[in-house]
Amino acid sequence: MANPDLMTYGSGKYTGLMMQHAGGLNVAAASVKGARQVALEQVLAWNPQVIFVQDRYPQVVTEIQNDPNWQGIDAVMPEYAKAWGYPMPEALAIGELWMAKKLYPDAYKDVDVDAQAQDYYQRFYRVNWQPDAVK
């Protein structure tokens, strides 16, 4: 889980549960308790397949996309999968499904997460879900 200045979330945070429920593994959880700054060398040693970036930090996505040391890592986080601070209800209902699809696209190829988000927002909030701008 990426934040500015190489801050990440290890164990003891909802983001780890979200990953676990989605079938993923938080590689930082074994050595990071709570939130902590790490060195790029540590991230590269973990060799994560995916890094999820909080969408309120678009500069982190830009940094990861433009730095050759980060090439090949997917770095996006949609509005309905926020899990930072106090998780929004849609993080539990839709965010874990979104993360599972990102981690296992073949297993979830028939799942339309945007349609699930639309249904959730209509059912519980009585509003249309609007996707974030493409990042």
N, C-alpha and C. Protein backbone atom coordinates (compact mmCIF):
# COMPACT_ATOMS: atom_id res chain seq x y z
N MET A 1 0.86 -1.15 0.00
CA MET A 1 0.00 0.00 0.00
C MET A 1 0.91 1.22 0.00
N ALA A 2 0.80 2.03 -1.04
CA ALA A 2 1.73 3.16 -1.22
C ALA A 2 1.10 4.48 -0.79
N ASN A 3 1.89 5.27 -0.12
CA ASN A 3 1.56 6.62 0.29
C ASN A 3 2.78 7.49 -0.02
N PRO A 4 2.66 8.82 0.10
CA PRO A 4 3.82 9.68 -0.17
C PRO A 4 5.02 9.31 0.70
N ASP A 5 6.19 9.62 0.19
CA ASP A 5 7.45 9.44 0.89
C ASP A 5 7.70 7.99 1.32
N LEU A 6 7.24 7.06 0.47
CA LEU A 6 7.45 5.63 0.70
C LEU A 6 6.87 5.13 2.02
N MET A 7 5.78 5.74 2.46
CA MET A 7 5.05 5.23 3.62
C MET A 7 4.21 4.05 3.14
N THR A 8 4.12 3.02 3.96
CA THR A 8 3.30 1.86 3.62
C THR A 8 2.57 1.38 4.87
N TYR A 9 1.57 0.53 4.65
CA TYR A 9 0.82 -0.08 5.75
C TYR A 9 1.21 -1.54 5.84
N GLY A 10 1.56 -1.97 7.04
CA GLY A 10 1.88 -3.37 7.27
C GLY A 10 0.73 -4.06 7.97
N SER A 11 1.03 -4.77 9.03
CA SER A 11 -0.02 -5.48 9.76
C SER A 11 -0.75 -4.53 10.71
N GLY A 12 -1.93 -4.96 11.12
CA GLY A 12 -2.69 -4.18 12.08
C GLY A 12 -3.54 -3.08 11.48
N LYS A 13 -3.70 -3.07 10.16
CA LYS A 13 -4.52 -2.06 9.48
C LYS A 13 -5.59 -2.77 8.65
N TYR A 14 -6.70 -2.09 8.40
CA TYR A 14 -7.77 -2.70 7.61
C TYR A 14 -7.31 -3.04 6.20
N THR A 15 -6.36 -2.29 5.67
CA THR A 15 -5.89 -2.58 4.32
C THR A 15 -5.36 -4.01 4.23
N GLY A 16 -4.73 -4.51 5.27
CA GLY A 16 -4.26 -5.88 5.28
C GLY A 16 -5.40 -6.88 5.25
N LEU A 17 -6.47 -6.59 6.00
CA LEU A 17 -7.65 -7.46 5.96
C LEU A 17 -8.30 -7.43 4.58
N MET A 18 -8.34 -6.24 3.99
CA MET A 18 -8.93 -6.10 2.66
C MET A 18 -8.16 -6.98 1.67
N MET A 19 -6.83 -6.92 1.74
CA MET A 19 -6.01 -7.76 0.86
C MET A 19 -6.26 -9.23 1.12
N GLN A 20 -6.29 -9.60 2.39
CA GLN A 20 -6.51 -11.00 2.76
C GLN A 20 -7.86 -11.48 2.25
N HIS A 21 -8.91 -10.70 2.43
CA HIS A 21 -10.25 -11.08 1.97
C HIS A 21 -10.30 -11.21 0.46
N ALA A 22 -9.46 -10.45 -0.23
CA ALA A 22 -9.41 -10.49 -1.70
C ALA A 22 -8.49 -11.61 -2.20
N GLY A 23 -7.83 -12.32 -1.29
CA GLY A 23 -6.94 -13.40 -1.69
C GLY A 23 -5.51 -12.96 -1.91
N GLY A 24 -5.17 -11.76 -1.49
CA GLY A 24 -3.83 -11.25 -1.67
C GLY A 24 -2.99 -11.41 -0.41
N LEU A 25 -1.76 -11.01 -0.50
CA LEU A 25 -0.82 -11.05 0.61
C LEU A 25 -0.13 -9.71 0.71
N ASN A 26 -0.20 -9.09 1.87
CA ASN A 26 0.50 -7.84 2.11
C ASN A 26 1.95 -8.18 2.45
N VAL A 27 2.84 -7.98 1.50
CA VAL A 27 4.25 -8.36 1.70
C VAL A 27 4.91 -7.55 2.81
N ALA A 28 4.37 -6.38 3.13
CA ALA A 28 4.95 -5.54 4.18
C ALA A 28 4.54 -6.00 5.57
N ALA A 29 3.50 -6.81 5.69
CA ALA A 29 2.94 -7.15 7.00
C ALA A 29 3.92 -7.90 7.90
N ALA A 30 4.81 -8.67 7.34
CA ALA A 30 5.74 -9.45 8.16
C ALA A 30 6.75 -8.57 8.89
N SER A 31 7.09 -7.43 8.30
CA SER A 31 8.14 -6.60 8.91
C SER A 31 7.69 -5.20 9.30
N VAL A 32 6.49 -4.79 8.87
CA VAL A 32 5.98 -3.45 9.20
C VAL A 32 4.73 -3.60 10.05
N LYS A 33 4.74 -2.98 11.20
CA LYS A 33 3.57 -2.96 12.09
C LYS A 33 2.96 -1.57 12.00
N GLY A 34 1.69 -1.50 11.63
CA GLY A 34 1.04 -0.21 11.45
C GLY A 34 1.51 0.44 10.17
N ALA A 35 1.79 1.74 10.24
CA ALA A 35 2.27 2.49 9.07
C ALA A 35 3.71 2.92 9.33
N ARG A 36 4.54 2.83 8.29
CA ARG A 36 5.94 3.20 8.45
C ARG A 36 6.55 3.54 7.10
N GLN A 37 7.54 4.39 7.13
CA GLN A 37 8.30 4.71 5.93
C GLN A 37 9.30 3.59 5.68
N VAL A 38 9.46 3.22 4.41
CA VAL A 38 10.42 2.18 4.03
C VAL A 38 11.30 2.71 2.91
N ALA A 39 12.40 2.06 2.68
CA ALA A 39 13.29 2.43 1.59
C ALA A 39 12.83 1.74 0.30
N LEU A 40 13.11 2.38 -0.83
CA LEU A 40 12.78 1.78 -2.12
C LEU A 40 13.43 0.40 -2.25
N GLU A 41 14.62 0.27 -1.72
CA GLU A 41 15.31 -1.03 -1.78
C GLU A 41 14.49 -2.12 -1.07
N GLN A 42 13.81 -1.75 0.01
CA GLN A 42 12.98 -2.72 0.73
C GLN A 42 11.78 -3.12 -0.14
N VAL A 43 11.16 -2.15 -0.78
CA VAL A 43 10.03 -2.44 -1.66
C VAL A 43 10.47 -3.37 -2.79
N LEU A 44 11.62 -3.09 -3.38
CA LEU A 44 12.13 -3.92 -4.46
C LEU A 44 12.48 -5.32 -3.95
N ALA A 45 12.98 -5.43 -2.71
CA ALA A 45 13.28 -6.75 -2.14
C ALA A 45 12.00 -7.55 -1.91
N TRP A 46 10.92 -6.87 -1.51
CA TRP A 46 9.63 -7.55 -1.36
C TRP A 46 9.13 -8.04 -2.72
N ASN A 47 9.50 -7.30 -3.78
CA ASN A 47 9.10 -7.63 -5.13
C ASN A 47 7.60 -7.85 -5.27
N PRO A 48 6.78 -6.85 -4.89
CA PRO A 48 5.33 -7.04 -4.97
C PRO A 48 4.85 -7.11 -6.41
N GLN A 49 3.81 -7.89 -6.63
CA GLN A 49 3.22 -7.97 -7.96
C GLN A 49 2.37 -6.75 -8.25
N VAL A 50 1.77 -6.19 -7.22
CA VAL A 50 0.88 -5.03 -7.37
C VAL A 50 1.11 -4.10 -6.19
N ILE A 51 1.09 -2.81 -6.44
CA ILE A 51 1.10 -1.82 -5.37
C ILE A 51 -0.18 -1.00 -5.52
N PHE A 52 -0.95 -0.93 -4.44
CA PHE A 52 -2.16 -0.14 -4.43
C PHE A 52 -1.86 1.23 -3.85
N VAL A 53 -2.31 2.28 -4.55
CA VAL A 53 -2.03 3.65 -4.15
C VAL A 53 -3.34 4.34 -3.79
N GLN A 54 -3.35 4.99 -2.66
CA GLN A 54 -4.50 5.78 -2.24
C GLN A 54 -4.77 6.87 -3.28
N ASP A 55 -6.01 6.96 -3.75
CA ASP A 55 -6.30 7.86 -4.87
C ASP A 55 -6.16 9.34 -4.53
N ARG A 56 -6.09 9.68 -3.26
CA ARG A 56 -5.92 11.10 -2.93
C ARG A 56 -4.47 11.54 -3.07
N TYR A 57 -3.60 10.61 -3.45
CA TYR A 57 -2.19 10.91 -3.68
C TYR A 57 -1.79 10.64 -5.13
N PRO A 58 -2.37 11.37 -6.08
CA PRO A 58 -2.03 11.11 -7.48
C PRO A 58 -0.56 11.33 -7.78
N GLN A 59 0.12 12.15 -6.99
CA GLN A 59 1.55 12.37 -7.22
C GLN A 59 2.35 11.08 -7.01
N VAL A 60 1.86 10.19 -6.13
CA VAL A 60 2.54 8.91 -5.92
C VAL A 60 2.42 8.04 -7.17
N VAL A 61 1.23 8.04 -7.76
CA VAL A 61 1.03 7.28 -9.00
C VAL A 61 1.95 7.82 -10.08
N THR A 62 2.02 9.15 -10.22
CA THR A 62 2.89 9.77 -11.22
C THR A 62 4.35 9.40 -10.97
N GLU A 63 4.76 9.47 -9.72
CA GLU A 63 6.15 9.12 -9.37
C GLU A 63 6.45 7.67 -9.73
N ILE A 64 5.56 6.77 -9.37
CA ILE A 64 5.77 5.36 -9.65
C ILE A 64 5.79 5.11 -11.16
N GLN A 65 4.91 5.76 -11.89
CA GLN A 65 4.84 5.55 -13.34
C GLN A 65 6.05 6.11 -14.07
N ASN A 66 6.67 7.17 -13.54
CA ASN A 66 7.77 7.83 -14.24
C ASN A 66 9.16 7.39 -13.79
N ASP A 67 9.27 6.75 -12.65
CA ASP A 67 10.57 6.32 -12.15
C ASP A 67 10.87 4.93 -12.70
N PRO A 68 11.97 4.75 -13.44
CA PRO A 68 12.27 3.44 -14.03
C PRO A 68 12.41 2.32 -13.00
N ASN A 69 12.72 2.65 -11.75
CA ASN A 69 12.82 1.63 -10.71
C ASN A 69 11.46 0.98 -10.39
N TRP A 70 10.37 1.67 -10.74
CA TRP A 70 9.04 1.18 -10.41
C TRP A 70 8.32 0.55 -11.61
N GLN A 71 8.92 0.51 -12.76
CA GLN A 71 8.24 0.06 -13.96
C GLN A 71 7.66 -1.35 -13.80
N GLY A 72 6.49 -1.55 -14.35
CA GLY A 72 5.85 -2.85 -14.31
C GLY A 72 4.93 -3.07 -13.14
N ILE A 73 4.76 -2.07 -12.27
CA ILE A 73 3.88 -2.22 -11.12
C ILE A 73 2.60 -1.43 -11.37
N ASP A 74 1.47 -2.10 -11.19
CA ASP A 74 0.18 -1.46 -11.36
C ASP A 74 -0.12 -0.62 -10.13
N ALA A 75 -0.50 0.64 -10.30
CA ALA A 75 -0.68 1.51 -9.15
C ALA A 75 -1.94 2.35 -9.28
N VAL A 76 -3.07 1.77 -8.94
CA VAL A 76 -4.33 2.51 -8.97
C VAL A 76 -5.18 2.13 -7.76
N MET A 77 -6.07 3.00 -7.36
CA MET A 77 -7.01 2.73 -6.28
C MET A 77 -8.28 3.51 -6.55
N PRO A 78 -9.37 2.84 -6.85
CA PRO A 78 -10.61 3.57 -7.17
C PRO A 78 -11.30 4.11 -5.92
N GLU A 79 -12.19 5.03 -6.14
CA GLU A 79 -12.93 5.68 -5.07
C GLU A 79 -13.60 4.68 -4.14
N TYR A 80 -14.23 3.67 -4.69
CA TYR A 80 -15.02 2.76 -3.85
C TYR A 80 -14.20 1.71 -3.13
N ALA A 81 -12.89 1.77 -3.22
CA ALA A 81 -12.07 0.79 -2.51
C ALA A 81 -11.21 1.44 -1.43
N LYS A 82 -11.53 2.67 -1.05
CA LYS A 82 -10.73 3.33 -0.02
C LYS A 82 -10.81 2.55 1.28
N ALA A 83 -9.66 2.36 1.88
CA ALA A 83 -9.63 1.61 3.13
C ALA A 83 -8.78 2.30 4.17
N TRP A 84 -8.50 3.56 3.99
CA TRP A 84 -7.60 4.26 4.89
C TRP A 84 -8.39 4.97 5.98
N GLY A 85 -7.79 5.09 7.14
CA GLY A 85 -8.48 5.72 8.25
C GLY A 85 -9.65 4.83 8.65
N TYR A 86 -10.82 5.37 8.64
CA TYR A 86 -12.01 4.58 8.90
C TYR A 86 -12.57 4.14 7.56
N PRO A 87 -12.56 2.84 7.26
CA PRO A 87 -13.01 2.38 5.94
C PRO A 87 -14.45 2.78 5.68
N MET A 88 -14.70 3.24 4.48
CA MET A 88 -16.06 3.54 4.06
C MET A 88 -16.77 2.21 3.83
N PRO A 89 -18.10 2.15 4.01
CA PRO A 89 -18.80 0.88 3.83
C PRO A 89 -18.55 0.23 2.46
N GLU A 90 -18.43 1.05 1.43
CA GLU A 90 -18.20 0.47 0.11
C GLU A 90 -16.83 -0.17 -0.03
N ALA A 91 -15.88 0.19 0.87
CA ALA A 91 -14.58 -0.48 0.84
C ALA A 91 -14.75 -1.95 1.18
N LEU A 92 -15.64 -2.24 2.12
CA LEU A 92 -15.89 -3.63 2.49
C LEU A 92 -16.76 -4.32 1.44
N ALA A 93 -17.74 -3.63 0.90
CA ALA A 93 -18.69 -4.26 -0.01
C ALA A 93 -18.16 -4.39 -1.43
N ILE A 94 -17.49 -3.38 -1.93
CA ILE A 94 -17.04 -3.37 -3.33
C ILE A 94 -15.52 -3.40 -3.43
N GLY A 95 -14.84 -2.75 -2.51
CA GLY A 95 -13.39 -2.65 -2.59
C GLY A 95 -12.67 -3.98 -2.59
N GLU A 96 -13.13 -4.91 -1.76
CA GLU A 96 -12.48 -6.22 -1.73
C GLU A 96 -12.70 -6.96 -3.04
N LEU A 97 -13.89 -6.82 -3.62
CA LEU A 97 -14.16 -7.44 -4.92
C LEU A 97 -13.27 -6.82 -5.99
N TRP A 98 -13.14 -5.49 -5.99
CA TRP A 98 -12.27 -4.81 -6.96
C TRP A 98 -10.83 -5.31 -6.82
N MET A 99 -10.36 -5.40 -5.56
CA MET A 99 -8.99 -5.83 -5.34
C MET A 99 -8.81 -7.27 -5.80
N ALA A 100 -9.77 -8.13 -5.53
CA ALA A 100 -9.67 -9.52 -5.97
C ALA A 100 -9.59 -9.60 -7.49
N LYS A 101 -10.36 -8.77 -8.18
CA LYS A 101 -10.31 -8.76 -9.65
C LYS A 101 -8.96 -8.27 -10.15
N LYS A 102 -8.36 -7.29 -9.47
CA LYS A 102 -7.04 -6.81 -9.86
C LYS A 102 -5.98 -7.89 -9.64
N LEU A 103 -6.12 -8.63 -8.54
CA LEU A 103 -5.14 -9.65 -8.21
C LEU A 103 -5.32 -10.93 -9.02
N TYR A 104 -6.56 -11.26 -9.36
CA TYR A 104 -6.87 -12.51 -10.06
C TYR A 104 -7.81 -12.25 -11.24
N PRO A 105 -7.34 -11.53 -12.27
CA PRO A 105 -8.24 -11.13 -13.36
C PRO A 105 -8.89 -12.31 -14.08
N ASP A 106 -8.21 -13.42 -14.24
CA ASP A 106 -8.82 -14.56 -14.92
C ASP A 106 -9.97 -15.16 -14.12
N ALA A 107 -9.81 -15.24 -12.83
CA ALA A 107 -10.85 -15.81 -11.98
C ALA A 107 -12.08 -14.92 -11.89
N TYR A 108 -11.91 -13.61 -12.11
CA TYR A 108 -13.01 -12.66 -11.97
C TYR A 108 -13.36 -12.00 -13.31
N LYS A 109 -13.00 -12.63 -14.42
CA LYS A 109 -13.20 -12.00 -15.73
C LYS A 109 -14.67 -11.72 -16.03
N ASP A 110 -15.58 -12.48 -15.45
CA ASP A 110 -17.01 -12.28 -15.71
C ASP A 110 -17.67 -11.34 -14.70
N VAL A 111 -16.90 -10.78 -13.80
CA VAL A 111 -17.45 -9.87 -12.78
C VAL A 111 -17.27 -8.44 -13.25
N ASP A 112 -18.37 -7.70 -13.32
CA ASP A 112 -18.35 -6.28 -13.68
C ASP A 112 -18.39 -5.47 -12.39
N VAL A 113 -17.23 -5.07 -11.92
CA VAL A 113 -17.14 -4.36 -10.64
C VAL A 113 -17.86 -3.02 -10.71
N ASP A 114 -17.77 -2.33 -11.86
CA ASP A 114 -18.48 -1.05 -11.99
C ASP A 114 -19.99 -1.24 -11.85
N ALA A 115 -20.51 -2.32 -12.41
CA ALA A 115 -21.95 -2.61 -12.27
C ALA A 115 -22.29 -2.92 -10.82
N GLN A 116 -21.40 -3.65 -10.15
CA GLN A 116 -21.60 -3.94 -8.72
C GLN A 116 -21.59 -2.65 -7.90
N ALA A 117 -20.68 -1.74 -8.23
CA ALA A 117 -20.62 -0.45 -7.53
C ALA A 117 -21.90 0.34 -7.78
N GLN A 118 -22.37 0.35 -9.02
CA GLN A 118 -23.60 1.07 -9.35
C GLN A 118 -24.77 0.51 -8.54
N ASP A 119 -24.88 -0.82 -8.50
CA ASP A 119 -25.95 -1.45 -7.75
C ASP A 119 -25.87 -1.10 -6.26
N TYR A 120 -24.66 -1.15 -5.72
CA TYR A 120 -24.46 -0.83 -4.31
C TYR A 120 -24.89 0.59 -4.00
N TYR A 121 -24.41 1.55 -4.79
CA TYR A 121 -24.74 2.96 -4.56
C TYR A 121 -26.24 3.21 -4.71
N GLN A 122 -26.87 2.57 -5.67
CA GLN A 122 -28.32 2.74 -5.83
C GLN A 122 -29.07 2.15 -4.64
N ARG A 123 -28.66 0.96 -4.23
CA ARG A 123 -29.37 0.26 -3.17
C ARG A 123 -29.23 0.95 -1.82
N PHE A 124 -28.03 1.40 -1.50
CA PHE A 124 -27.80 1.92 -0.16
C PHE A 124 -27.78 3.44 -0.06
N TYR A 125 -27.40 4.12 -1.13
CA TYR A 125 -27.32 5.58 -1.08
C TYR A 125 -28.36 6.27 -1.95
N ARG A 126 -29.00 5.51 -2.84
CA ARG A 126 -30.02 6.05 -3.77
C ARG A 126 -29.45 7.12 -4.69
N VAL A 127 -28.20 6.95 -5.07
CA VAL A 127 -27.55 7.84 -6.03
C VAL A 127 -26.78 7.00 -7.04
N ASN A 128 -26.47 7.60 -8.17
CA ASN A 128 -25.64 6.91 -9.16
C ASN A 128 -24.18 6.99 -8.74
N TRP A 129 -23.50 5.89 -8.96
CA TRP A 129 -22.05 5.89 -8.73
C TRP A 129 -21.38 6.53 -9.92
N GLN A 130 -20.45 7.44 -9.65
CA GLN A 130 -19.69 8.11 -10.70
C GLN A 130 -18.23 7.70 -10.56
N PRO A 131 -17.64 7.10 -11.60
CA PRO A 131 -16.24 6.70 -11.47
C PRO A 131 -15.33 7.92 -11.38
N ASP A 132 -14.19 7.73 -10.71
CA ASP A 132 -13.18 8.76 -10.68
C ASP A 132 -12.67 8.99 -12.09
N ALA A 133 -12.07 10.15 -12.32
CA ALA A 133 -11.43 10.39 -13.60
C ALA A 133 -10.33 9.36 -13.82
N VAL A 134 -10.11 8.99 -15.05
CA VAL A 134 -9.07 8.03 -15.35
C VAL A 134 -7.73 8.62 -14.97
N LYS A 135 -6.94 7.83 -14.27
CA LYS A 135 -5.63 8.33 -13.79
C LYS A 135 -4.53 7.67 -14.59
